[in-house]
N, C-alpha and C. Protein backbone atom coordinates (compact mmCIF):
# COMPACT_ATOMS: atom_id res chain seq x y z
N MET A 1 53.31 14.26 130.57
CA MET A 1 52.81 15.63 129.08
C MET A 1 53.68 16.24 128.82
N SER A 2 54.74 16.03 127.96
CA SER A 2 55.64 16.63 127.16
C SER A 2 56.14 18.09 127.78
N GLU A 3 57.07 18.99 127.36
CA GLU A 3 57.15 20.29 127.77
C GLU A 3 56.45 21.15 125.68
N ASP A 4 56.59 20.34 124.78
CA ASP A 4 56.49 20.65 123.36
C ASP A 4 54.14 21.38 124.06
N THR A 5 53.88 19.76 124.57
CA THR A 5 52.16 20.04 124.53
C THR A 5 52.39 21.35 125.68
N ASN A 6 52.46 20.95 126.64
CA ASN A 6 52.20 22.20 127.95
C ASN A 6 52.38 24.02 126.63
N LEU A 7 53.69 23.84 125.84
CA LEU A 7 53.80 25.13 125.26
C LEU A 7 52.56 25.08 124.31
N ASP A 8 52.34 23.98 123.90
CA ASP A 8 51.24 24.10 122.99
C ASP A 8 49.77 24.64 123.58
N ASP A 9 49.62 23.81 124.22
CA ASP A 9 48.45 24.55 125.55
C ASP A 9 48.84 25.78 125.91
N PHE A 10 49.97 26.07 126.12
CA PHE A 10 49.81 27.40 126.65
C PHE A 10 49.40 28.65 125.53
N GLN A 11 50.57 28.37 123.79
CA GLN A 11 50.13 28.94 123.05
C GLN A 11 48.34 29.18 122.15
N ARG A 12 48.04 27.92 123.05
CA ARG A 12 46.19 27.85 122.52
C ARG A 12 45.17 29.33 123.44
N ALA A 13 46.25 28.87 124.82
CA ALA A 13 45.43 29.80 126.18
C ALA A 13 45.89 31.37 125.54
N ALA A 14 47.19 31.53 125.18
CA ALA A 14 47.39 32.92 124.77
C ALA A 14 46.58 33.22 122.92
N ASN A 15 45.73 32.38 122.36
CA ASN A 15 45.57 32.66 121.29
C ASN A 15 43.98 33.00 121.58
N LEU A 16 43.50 32.87 122.81
CA LEU A 16 42.48 32.38 123.23
C LEU A 16 42.39 34.14 123.57
N ARG A 17 43.50 34.96 124.67
CA ARG A 17 43.14 35.69 125.33
C ARG A 17 43.73 36.94 124.30
N GLN A 18 44.22 36.95 122.99
CA GLN A 18 45.14 37.35 121.93
C GLN A 18 43.17 38.03 120.89
N ALA A 19 42.60 36.30 120.94
CA ALA A 19 41.34 36.85 120.23
C ALA A 19 40.03 37.35 120.94
N SER A 20 39.86 37.68 122.20
CA SER A 20 39.07 38.21 123.66
C SER A 20 39.81 39.39 124.03
N ASP A 21 41.04 39.87 123.26
CA ASP A 21 41.50 41.53 123.99
C ASP A 21 40.95 41.18 122.24
N THR A 22 41.30 41.06 121.28
CA THR A 22 40.84 41.95 119.84
C THR A 22 39.05 42.24 120.25
N LEU A 23 38.43 41.00 120.93
CA LEU A 23 37.08 41.44 120.63
C LEU A 23 36.64 42.41 121.40
N MET A 24 37.12 42.62 122.54
CA MET A 24 36.59 44.10 123.38
C MET A 24 37.84 44.88 122.68
N GLN A 25 38.59 45.32 122.05
CA GLN A 25 39.27 46.54 122.30
C GLN A 25 38.03 47.02 120.59
N ARG A 26 37.56 46.00 119.95
CA ARG A 26 36.87 46.04 118.82
C ARG A 26 35.42 46.91 119.83
N LEU A 27 35.23 46.16 120.31
CA LEU A 27 33.72 46.87 121.12
C LEU A 27 33.87 48.11 121.98
N ASP A 28 35.12 48.19 122.08
CA ASP A 28 35.68 49.54 122.54
C ASP A 28 34.96 50.81 121.61
N ARG A 29 35.63 50.53 120.78
CA ARG A 29 36.29 51.66 119.66
C ARG A 29 34.46 51.69 118.70
N LEU A 30 33.88 50.55 118.59
CA LEU A 30 32.60 50.32 118.25
C LEU A 30 31.67 51.18 119.39
N TYR A 31 31.49 51.82 119.88
CA TYR A 31 30.68 52.42 120.93
C TYR A 31 31.47 53.83 120.70
N GLU A 32 32.52 53.62 121.03
CA GLU A 32 32.91 54.76 121.14
C GLU A 32 32.93 55.63 119.22
N LEU A 33 32.50 54.61 118.83
CA LEU A 33 32.51 55.83 116.73
C LEU A 33 30.64 55.86 116.73
N GLU A 34 29.42 54.89 116.96
CA GLU A 34 28.31 54.98 117.79
C GLU A 34 27.95 56.48 118.85
N SER A 35 28.47 56.80 119.05
CA SER A 35 28.29 57.52 120.26
C SER A 35 28.96 59.01 119.90
N ARG A 36 29.93 58.62 118.86
CA ARG A 36 29.74 60.10 117.99
C ARG A 36 29.42 60.48 117.22
N LYS A 37 28.97 59.22 116.12
CA LYS A 37 27.86 58.82 115.10
C LYS A 37 26.50 59.55 115.47
N ARG A 38 26.24 59.23 116.31
CA ARG A 38 24.78 60.02 117.43
C ARG A 38 24.69 61.33 117.91
N GLU A 39 25.88 61.84 117.56
CA GLU A 39 25.76 63.35 118.11
C GLU A 39 25.57 64.13 117.10
N LEU A 40 25.93 63.54 115.61
CA LEU A 40 25.68 64.22 114.19
C LEU A 40 23.99 64.65 113.93
N PRO A 41 24.24 65.83 113.43
CA PRO A 41 22.99 65.38 112.68
C PRO A 41 23.50 64.60 111.27
N PRO A 42 22.48 64.05 110.39
CA PRO A 42 22.82 63.07 109.30
C PRO A 42 22.92 63.95 108.35
N GLU A 43 22.70 65.09 107.91
CA GLU A 43 23.23 65.07 106.45
C GLU A 43 24.66 65.80 106.64
N ARG A 44 25.00 65.10 107.42
CA ARG A 44 26.63 65.86 107.74
C ARG A 44 27.52 64.36 106.92
N ALA A 45 28.44 64.95 106.28
CA ALA A 45 29.27 63.88 105.51
C ALA A 45 30.42 62.99 106.19
N GLU A 46 30.44 63.56 107.70
CA GLU A 46 30.85 62.79 108.72
C GLU A 46 30.42 61.28 109.17
N PHE A 47 28.79 62.10 109.27
CA PHE A 47 27.89 60.89 109.61
C PHE A 47 28.24 59.93 109.11
N VAL A 48 27.95 59.74 107.30
CA VAL A 48 28.04 58.79 106.66
C VAL A 48 29.16 57.84 107.21
N ARG A 49 30.09 58.87 106.66
CA ARG A 49 31.73 58.05 107.16
C ARG A 49 31.88 57.09 108.45
N LEU A 50 31.03 57.73 109.31
CA LEU A 50 31.14 56.88 110.68
C LEU A 50 30.06 55.61 110.35
N ALA A 51 29.24 55.68 109.89
CA ALA A 51 28.21 54.92 109.58
C ALA A 51 28.42 53.40 108.64
N ARG A 52 29.47 54.12 107.92
CA ARG A 52 30.32 53.49 106.75
C ARG A 52 31.54 51.91 107.82
N GLU A 53 32.28 53.06 108.97
CA GLU A 53 32.90 52.65 109.52
C GLU A 53 32.85 51.70 110.45
N ILE A 54 31.46 51.99 110.98
CA ILE A 54 30.60 51.63 112.13
C ILE A 54 30.98 49.95 111.26
N GLU A 55 29.89 50.17 109.91
CA GLU A 55 30.01 49.07 109.36
C GLU A 55 31.13 47.66 109.33
N ASP A 56 32.24 48.13 109.24
CA ASP A 56 32.99 47.43 108.73
C ASP A 56 33.86 46.89 110.28
N LEU A 57 33.72 47.91 110.79
CA LEU A 57 34.27 47.06 112.19
C LEU A 57 33.27 46.36 112.78
N SER A 58 31.71 46.56 112.85
CA SER A 58 30.86 45.51 112.98
C SER A 58 31.59 44.21 111.82
N ARG A 59 31.98 44.29 110.92
CA ARG A 59 31.55 42.69 110.53
C ARG A 59 33.35 42.44 110.49
N ALA A 60 34.31 43.16 110.80
CA ALA A 60 35.58 42.80 111.69
C ALA A 60 35.48 42.27 112.85
N LEU A 61 34.49 42.83 113.56
CA LEU A 61 33.80 42.26 115.66
C LEU A 61 33.02 40.45 115.04
N LEU A 62 32.13 40.54 113.93
CA LEU A 62 31.85 39.05 113.91
C LEU A 62 33.00 38.44 113.19
N PHE A 63 33.62 38.71 112.94
CA PHE A 63 35.20 37.83 112.40
C PHE A 63 35.33 37.52 114.37
N SER A 64 36.12 38.47 114.59
CA SER A 64 36.75 38.54 116.13
C SER A 64 36.08 36.98 116.96
N SER A 65 34.98 37.47 116.73
CA SER A 65 33.83 36.54 117.80
C SER A 65 34.31 34.61 117.32
N GLY A 66 33.58 35.21 115.84
CA GLY A 66 33.44 33.39 115.63
C GLY A 66 35.22 33.42 115.52
N GLU A 67 35.96 33.47 115.84
CA GLU A 67 37.14 32.65 115.83
C GLU A 67 37.47 32.90 117.35
N GLN A 68 37.12 33.54 118.58
CA GLN A 68 37.09 32.68 119.52
C GLN A 68 36.23 31.75 119.80
N VAL A 69 35.12 31.75 119.26
CA VAL A 69 34.25 30.56 119.32
C VAL A 69 35.18 29.43 119.43
N GLU A 70 35.75 28.95 117.91
CA GLU A 70 36.45 28.34 117.81
C GLU A 70 37.52 27.78 118.48
N LEU A 71 38.30 28.54 118.84
CA LEU A 71 39.38 28.29 119.78
C LEU A 71 38.44 28.03 120.75
N ALA A 72 37.27 28.76 121.35
CA ALA A 72 37.27 28.23 123.00
C ALA A 72 36.37 26.87 122.53
N GLU A 73 35.94 26.61 121.55
CA GLU A 73 35.56 24.43 121.34
C GLU A 73 36.53 24.01 121.64
N ALA A 74 37.66 24.14 121.02
CA ALA A 74 38.69 23.10 120.68
C ALA A 74 38.69 23.24 122.15
N ILE A 75 39.35 24.65 122.75
CA ILE A 75 40.18 24.18 124.63
C ILE A 75 38.45 23.62 125.47
N HIS A 76 37.59 24.19 125.03
CA HIS A 76 36.72 23.06 125.82
C HIS A 76 36.67 21.94 125.10
N ALA A 77 36.87 20.87 124.19
CA ALA A 77 37.32 19.73 123.80
C ALA A 77 38.03 19.24 124.80
N ASP A 78 38.49 19.76 124.42
CA ASP A 78 40.10 18.85 125.20
C ASP A 78 40.24 18.96 126.61
N VAL A 79 39.02 20.10 127.41
CA VAL A 79 39.82 20.05 128.97
C VAL A 79 38.52 18.75 128.98
N LYS A 80 37.93 19.16 128.53
CA LYS A 80 36.38 17.60 128.77
C LYS A 80 37.28 15.84 128.49
N SER A 81 38.08 15.99 128.14
CA SER A 81 38.40 14.64 127.80
C SER A 81 39.66 14.33 128.23
N GLY A 82 40.24 15.39 128.64
CA GLY A 82 41.40 15.09 129.91
C GLY A 82 42.66 15.65 129.63
N ASP A 83 42.55 16.23 128.88
CA ASP A 83 43.44 16.44 127.17
C ASP A 83 44.76 17.96 127.89
N VAL A 84 43.58 18.60 128.92
CA VAL A 84 44.14 19.51 129.40
C VAL A 84 44.08 20.13 130.58
N ALA A 85 44.85 20.89 130.89
CA ALA A 85 43.70 21.35 132.38
C ALA A 85 43.91 23.02 132.43
N ALA A 86 43.11 23.10 131.88
CA ALA A 86 42.31 24.63 131.83
C ALA A 86 42.04 24.84 133.01
N ASP A 87 42.71 25.78 134.26
CA ASP A 87 42.02 26.31 135.31
C ASP A 87 41.55 27.90 135.64
N VAL A 88 42.61 28.22 134.10
CA VAL A 88 42.56 29.62 134.13
C VAL A 88 42.15 30.97 133.39
N PRO A 89 41.51 31.79 133.90
CA PRO A 89 40.27 32.63 132.85
C PRO A 89 41.08 33.05 131.77
N ILE A 90 40.22 33.31 131.69
CA ILE A 90 40.93 34.53 129.99
C ILE A 90 41.85 35.22 130.14
N ARG A 91 40.86 36.33 131.38
CA ARG A 91 41.74 37.45 131.84
C ARG A 91 43.03 37.49 133.15
N ASP A 92 42.79 36.43 133.42
CA ASP A 92 44.50 35.95 133.84
C ASP A 92 45.47 34.83 133.08
N THR A 93 45.08 35.20 131.75
CA THR A 93 45.96 34.00 130.68
C THR A 93 46.71 35.85 131.01
N PRO A 94 48.39 35.87 130.43
CA PRO A 94 49.25 36.05 129.74
C PRO A 94 49.09 36.65 128.31
N PRO A 95 49.19 37.31 128.57
CA PRO A 95 48.82 37.81 127.16
C PRO A 95 49.70 36.91 125.74
N LYS A 96 49.75 36.72 125.10
CA LYS A 96 50.40 35.90 123.77
C LYS A 96 52.09 37.22 123.62
N ARG A 97 53.61 36.37 123.51
CA ARG A 97 54.34 37.15 123.62
C ARG A 97 54.88 37.55 121.96
N ASP A 98 55.53 38.67 121.85
CA ASP A 98 56.17 38.59 120.41
C ASP A 98 57.58 37.99 120.38
N ALA A 99 57.66 37.55 118.56
CA ALA A 99 59.30 36.65 118.79
C ALA A 99 60.03 37.46 119.01
N VAL A 100 59.97 39.08 119.01
CA VAL A 100 61.33 39.89 119.89
C VAL A 100 61.19 39.75 121.19
N ALA A 101 60.36 40.09 121.13
CA ALA A 101 60.38 39.86 123.55
C ALA A 101 61.12 38.62 123.59
N VAL A 102 60.88 37.79 123.10
CA VAL A 102 61.06 35.99 122.95
C VAL A 102 62.62 35.82 122.96
N LEU A 103 63.03 36.28 121.39
CA LEU A 103 64.61 36.50 121.70
C LEU A 103 65.55 36.98 122.43
N ALA A 104 64.96 38.42 122.67
CA ALA A 104 65.66 39.27 123.76
C ALA A 104 66.16 38.73 124.96
N GLU A 105 64.61 37.69 125.53
CA GLU A 105 64.90 36.90 126.47
C GLU A 105 66.28 35.77 126.20
N TRP A 106 65.56 35.04 125.29
CA TRP A 106 67.15 33.97 124.31
C TRP A 106 68.07 33.46 125.14
N ARG A 107 68.84 35.24 123.77
CA ARG A 107 69.52 36.11 123.81
C ARG A 107 70.84 36.38 125.79
N ALA A 108 69.39 36.81 126.19
CA ALA A 108 69.58 37.30 127.96
C ALA A 108 70.52 36.15 127.99
N ALA A 109 69.67 35.24 128.29
CA ALA A 109 69.67 33.73 128.75
C ALA A 109 70.87 32.65 128.13
N GLU A 110 71.46 33.44 127.06
CA GLU A 110 72.83 33.01 126.62
C GLU A 110 73.62 32.79 126.93
N ARG A 111 73.54 34.68 127.29
CA ARG A 111 74.65 35.35 127.64
C ARG A 111 74.71 34.60 129.71
N ARG A 112 73.75 34.26 130.16
CA ARG A 112 74.12 33.98 131.45
C ARG A 112 74.49 33.22 131.86
N LEU A 113 74.32 32.04 130.47
CA LEU A 113 74.93 30.97 130.26
C LEU A 113 76.20 30.96 130.43
N THR A 114 76.65 31.39 129.88
CA THR A 114 78.13 31.80 128.96
C THR A 114 78.94 32.06 130.32
N ALA A 115 78.13 32.64 131.20
CA ALA A 115 78.39 33.41 132.30
C ALA A 115 78.53 32.57 133.16
N ALA A 116 78.11 31.62 133.10
CA ALA A 116 77.88 30.68 134.75
C ALA A 116 79.32 29.96 134.25
N GLU A 117 79.94 29.71 135.87
CA GLU A 117 80.04 28.39 135.99
C GLU A 117 79.60 27.04 136.00
N ALA A 118 80.82 26.45 135.38
CA ALA A 118 80.00 25.52 134.85
C ALA A 118 79.69 24.23 135.47
N GLY A 119 78.37 23.63 135.97
CA GLY A 119 78.59 22.42 136.39
C GLY A 119 77.47 23.50 137.52
N SER A 120 77.17 24.57 138.08
CA SER A 120 76.53 25.32 138.91
C SER A 120 75.08 25.70 138.77
N ASP A 121 74.04 26.15 139.84
CA ASP A 121 73.01 25.35 139.20
C ASP A 121 72.45 27.53 138.19
N ASP A 122 73.70 27.91 138.66
CA ASP A 122 73.23 29.46 137.31
C ASP A 122 73.34 28.48 136.10
N GLU A 123 74.44 27.55 135.72
CA GLU A 123 74.63 27.29 134.66
C GLU A 123 73.31 26.42 133.81
N ARG A 124 72.69 25.44 135.36
CA ARG A 124 71.10 24.24 135.30
C ARG A 124 70.21 25.66 134.58
N ALA A 125 70.25 26.54 135.22
CA ALA A 125 69.31 27.54 135.63
C ALA A 125 68.71 28.23 134.10
N ALA A 126 70.31 28.90 133.30
CA ALA A 126 70.21 28.95 132.73
C ALA A 126 70.09 28.11 130.83
N ARG A 127 70.72 27.40 131.09
CA ARG A 127 70.23 26.32 129.86
C ARG A 127 69.08 26.17 129.96
N ALA A 128 67.88 25.82 130.96
CA ALA A 128 66.94 25.55 130.98
C ALA A 128 66.37 26.41 130.39
N ASP A 129 66.44 27.86 130.68
CA ASP A 129 66.02 28.90 130.52
C ASP A 129 66.53 28.99 128.61
N VAL A 130 67.30 28.74 128.37
CA VAL A 130 67.99 28.76 126.75
C VAL A 130 66.59 27.96 125.52
N GLU A 131 66.52 27.05 126.58
CA GLU A 131 66.02 25.78 125.81
C GLU A 131 64.37 26.13 126.55
N ARG A 132 63.56 26.79 126.88
CA ARG A 132 62.49 26.80 127.33
C ARG A 132 62.09 28.43 126.06
N TYR A 133 63.25 29.09 125.84
CA TYR A 133 63.01 30.11 125.04
C TYR A 133 62.77 29.54 123.46
N ARG A 134 64.30 28.73 123.47
CA ARG A 134 64.27 28.28 122.05
C ARG A 134 62.74 27.75 121.64
N VAL A 135 62.97 27.41 122.62
CA VAL A 135 61.23 25.82 122.16
C VAL A 135 59.43 27.04 121.60
N GLU A 136 59.75 28.40 122.61
CA GLU A 136 58.71 29.05 122.94
C GLU A 136 58.74 29.99 121.39
N TYR A 137 60.21 30.42 120.69
CA TYR A 137 60.49 31.32 120.11
C TYR A 137 60.08 30.32 118.83
N ARG A 138 60.71 29.00 118.63
CA ARG A 138 59.96 27.88 117.65
C ARG A 138 58.49 28.82 117.24
N GLN A 139 57.68 27.95 118.43
CA GLN A 139 56.56 27.95 118.11
C GLN A 139 55.61 28.92 117.72
N ILE A 140 55.96 30.60 117.90
CA ILE A 140 55.65 31.40 117.49
C ILE A 140 56.69 32.10 116.03
N THR A 141 57.31 31.40 115.44
CA THR A 141 58.19 31.61 114.04
C THR A 141 57.82 30.58 113.52
N THR A 142 56.78 29.38 113.17
CA THR A 142 57.20 27.77 113.00
C THR A 142 55.75 27.96 112.13
N PRO A 143 55.51 29.03 110.67
CA PRO A 143 53.82 28.69 110.16
C PRO A 143 53.07 27.75 110.55
N MET A 144 51.94 27.75 111.13
CA MET A 144 51.22 26.23 111.08
C MET A 144 51.19 25.89 109.93
N PRO A 145 51.07 24.77 109.97
CA PRO A 145 50.35 24.30 108.44
C PRO A 145 48.46 24.62 108.19
N ARG A 146 48.38 25.06 106.91
CA ARG A 146 46.75 25.50 107.02
C ARG A 146 46.01 24.72 107.24
N ASP A 147 45.96 23.22 107.21
CA ASP A 147 45.02 23.10 107.76
C ASP A 147 44.66 22.66 109.47
N ALA A 148 45.66 23.08 110.18
CA ALA A 148 46.01 23.27 112.17
C ALA A 148 45.43 24.49 111.95
N LYS A 149 45.16 25.13 111.65
CA LYS A 149 45.07 26.47 111.66
C LYS A 149 43.39 26.75 112.18
N ALA A 150 43.16 27.55 113.65
CA ALA A 150 42.56 27.77 114.37
C ALA A 150 41.49 29.28 113.25
């Protein structure tokens, strides 16, 4: 399996983690809003505002759960076909990294590469890090074709 394939697998797992995190955050927020609404008399304007906010959040929650099902089905199919080994639960999958964090690590790796002695283990390690961060940054910042989006 190529490094790009491993990175694709990581991205898919990170996307599933992000979808799960979003779902849980929205559930927490929904619980908080509904709890506040339950304490209000229905004649208050805030009661109606909260009811509308709860409705909007419920729609977003439904979208998040649908997104997660699509990701889960795709990963499950890949695991069953042997294309991917998914042995890590969602909670143990690292959150998806943003381009700014990856770029900072890429730059630090390039500085280590520049400072490393030619032919040394430090140079080889820094060169490998530079390449890994370059690939990860490209994965994060390259737009997906419309038909490939999950």
